[in-house]
Amino acid sequence: MAENLPDPATPGFDLNKATIVSLLYIAGFVVGITGLVGFILALVWKDEVAGTWEESHLQFHIMTFVIGFVVGIIGGILSFVLIGIPILLALAVWILVRSVLALLKAQKHEPIADPKTWLF
């Protein structure tokens, strides 16, 4: 019966740097400013994790923020002619999907295959 119990040495949730940034981006949908905090932490931690699996995650998060910021500005400006609203909605989905996928990979300690991609 002891074989079915989880191994106490394996953690349930790993709160590594990549996970923290992912969670901050996701929390940004509720608290707003946490996305910016996540971006700043990704920039600060980038050199600390050089050569590890987390390096690709932080590059991925930095790209997510920069692209999201630019598209958000464009969508905000275009919302005056109503085309910006679907752009902003698509941007929100894009950021959320990228953050969740990165969070799942961070929990497995898997690097992001192509951190500079615009896709997922």
Protein backbone atom coordinates (compact mmCIF):
# COMPACT_ATOMS: atom_id res chain seq x y z
CA MET A 1 0.00 0.00 0.00
CA ALA A 2 2.90 2.35 0.62
CA GLU A 3 3.72 2.30 -3.12
CA ASN A 4 0.71 4.52 -3.95
CA LEU A 5 1.76 7.38 -1.66
CA PRO A 6 3.49 10.37 -3.26
CA ASP A 7 7.20 10.71 -2.67
CA PRO A 8 7.68 13.35 0.07
CA ALA A 9 10.97 14.43 -1.53
CA THR A 10 9.23 15.73 -4.68
CA PRO A 11 7.73 19.20 -4.32
CA GLY A 12 4.11 19.82 -5.23
CA PHE A 13 4.64 23.29 -6.67
CA ASP A 14 8.05 24.71 -7.54
CA LEU A 15 8.19 28.47 -7.01
CA ASN A 16 11.15 29.19 -9.31
CA LYS A 17 11.88 32.50 -11.07
CA ALA A 18 10.12 31.48 -14.28
CA THR A 19 7.03 30.45 -12.32
CA ILE A 20 6.99 33.71 -10.38
CA VAL A 21 7.06 35.79 -13.56
CA SER A 22 4.32 33.64 -15.14
CA LEU A 23 2.13 34.05 -12.07
CA LEU A 24 2.71 37.81 -12.02
CA TYR A 25 1.67 38.07 -15.67
CA ILE A 26 -1.49 36.07 -15.00
CA ALA A 27 -2.24 38.13 -11.88
CA GLY A 28 -1.89 41.23 -14.07
CA PHE A 29 -5.37 40.53 -15.40
CA VAL A 30 -6.72 41.28 -11.91
CA VAL A 31 -4.15 43.59 -10.33
CA GLY A 32 -2.75 45.29 -13.45
CA ILE A 33 0.63 46.42 -12.15
CA THR A 34 1.92 42.90 -11.48
CA GLY A 35 2.62 42.42 -15.19
CA LEU A 36 5.09 45.30 -15.05
CA VAL A 37 6.62 43.88 -11.86
CA GLY A 38 7.04 40.53 -13.63
CA PHE A 39 8.74 42.24 -16.57
CA ILE A 40 11.16 44.08 -14.27
CA LEU A 41 11.96 40.88 -12.36
CA ALA A 42 12.57 39.04 -15.66
CA LEU A 43 15.05 41.75 -16.67
CA VAL A 44 16.80 41.68 -13.28
CA TRP A 45 16.98 37.87 -13.08
CA LYS A 46 17.99 37.35 -16.73
CA ASP A 47 21.74 37.34 -16.00
CA GLU A 48 21.35 35.19 -12.86
CA VAL A 49 19.85 32.29 -14.79
CA ALA A 50 22.15 32.42 -17.82
CA GLY A 51 22.86 28.95 -19.13
CA THR A 52 19.93 27.29 -17.32
CA TRP A 53 16.48 26.19 -18.48
CA GLU A 54 15.05 29.34 -16.85
CA GLU A 55 16.96 31.61 -19.24
CA SER A 56 14.66 30.72 -22.12
CA HIS A 57 11.62 31.37 -19.93
CA LEU A 58 12.74 34.85 -18.95
CA GLN A 59 13.54 35.69 -22.59
CA PHE A 60 10.07 34.41 -23.50
CA HIS A 61 8.45 36.58 -20.81
CA ILE A 62 10.42 39.66 -21.85
CA MET A 63 9.28 39.15 -25.46
CA THR A 64 5.70 38.65 -24.25
CA PHE A 65 5.75 41.94 -22.38
CA VAL A 66 7.39 43.97 -25.15
CA ILE A 67 5.10 42.64 -27.88
CA GLY A 68 2.09 42.96 -25.58
CA PHE A 69 2.99 46.55 -24.71
CA VAL A 70 3.36 47.60 -28.36
CA VAL A 71 0.18 45.82 -29.48
CA GLY A 72 -1.64 47.21 -26.43
CA ILE A 73 -0.71 50.77 -27.39
CA ILE A 74 -1.82 50.17 -30.99
CA GLY A 75 -5.05 48.52 -29.81
CA GLY A 76 -5.71 51.35 -27.39
CA ILE A 77 -5.30 53.97 -30.10
CA LEU A 78 -7.42 52.00 -32.57
CA SER A 79 -10.18 51.47 -30.00
CA PHE A 80 -11.41 54.94 -30.91
CA VAL A 81 -12.47 53.47 -34.25
CA LEU A 82 -13.67 50.22 -32.62
CA ILE A 83 -11.18 47.91 -34.38
CA GLY A 84 -8.93 48.17 -31.32
CA ILE A 85 -11.37 46.35 -29.05
CA PRO A 86 -11.00 42.95 -30.77
CA ILE A 87 -7.25 43.57 -30.95
CA LEU A 88 -7.11 44.12 -27.19
CA LEU A 89 -9.25 41.05 -26.52
CA ALA A 90 -7.02 38.91 -28.75
CA LEU A 91 -3.97 40.36 -26.98
CA ALA A 92 -5.38 39.38 -23.58
CA VAL A 93 -5.96 35.80 -24.76
CA TRP A 94 -2.47 35.68 -26.33
CA ILE A 95 -0.78 36.84 -23.12
CA LEU A 96 -2.82 34.47 -20.97
CA VAL A 97 -2.09 31.44 -23.17
CA ARG A 98 1.63 32.21 -23.34
CA SER A 99 1.81 32.70 -19.57
CA VAL A 100 -0.05 29.49 -18.76
CA LEU A 101 2.02 27.43 -21.21
CA ALA A 102 5.23 28.89 -19.77
CA LEU A 103 3.97 28.17 -16.24
CA LEU A 104 3.33 24.52 -17.11
CA LYS A 105 6.79 24.14 -18.66
CA ALA A 106 8.40 25.90 -15.68
CA GLN A 107 6.84 23.38 -13.32
CA LYS A 108 8.47 20.59 -15.35
CA HIS A 109 11.78 22.52 -15.59
CA GLU A 110 11.54 22.39 -19.37
CA PRO A 111 13.04 25.22 -21.43
CA ILE A 112 10.99 27.16 -23.96
CA ALA A 113 11.89 25.77 -27.40
CA ASP A 114 11.97 29.15 -29.18
CA PRO A 115 11.82 32.00 -26.64
CA LYS A 116 11.87 34.71 -29.31
CA THR A 117 8.80 33.49 -31.16
CA TRP A 118 5.61 35.52 -31.42
CA LEU A 119 3.58 32.33 -31.29
CA PHE A 120 2.89 30.09 -28.34
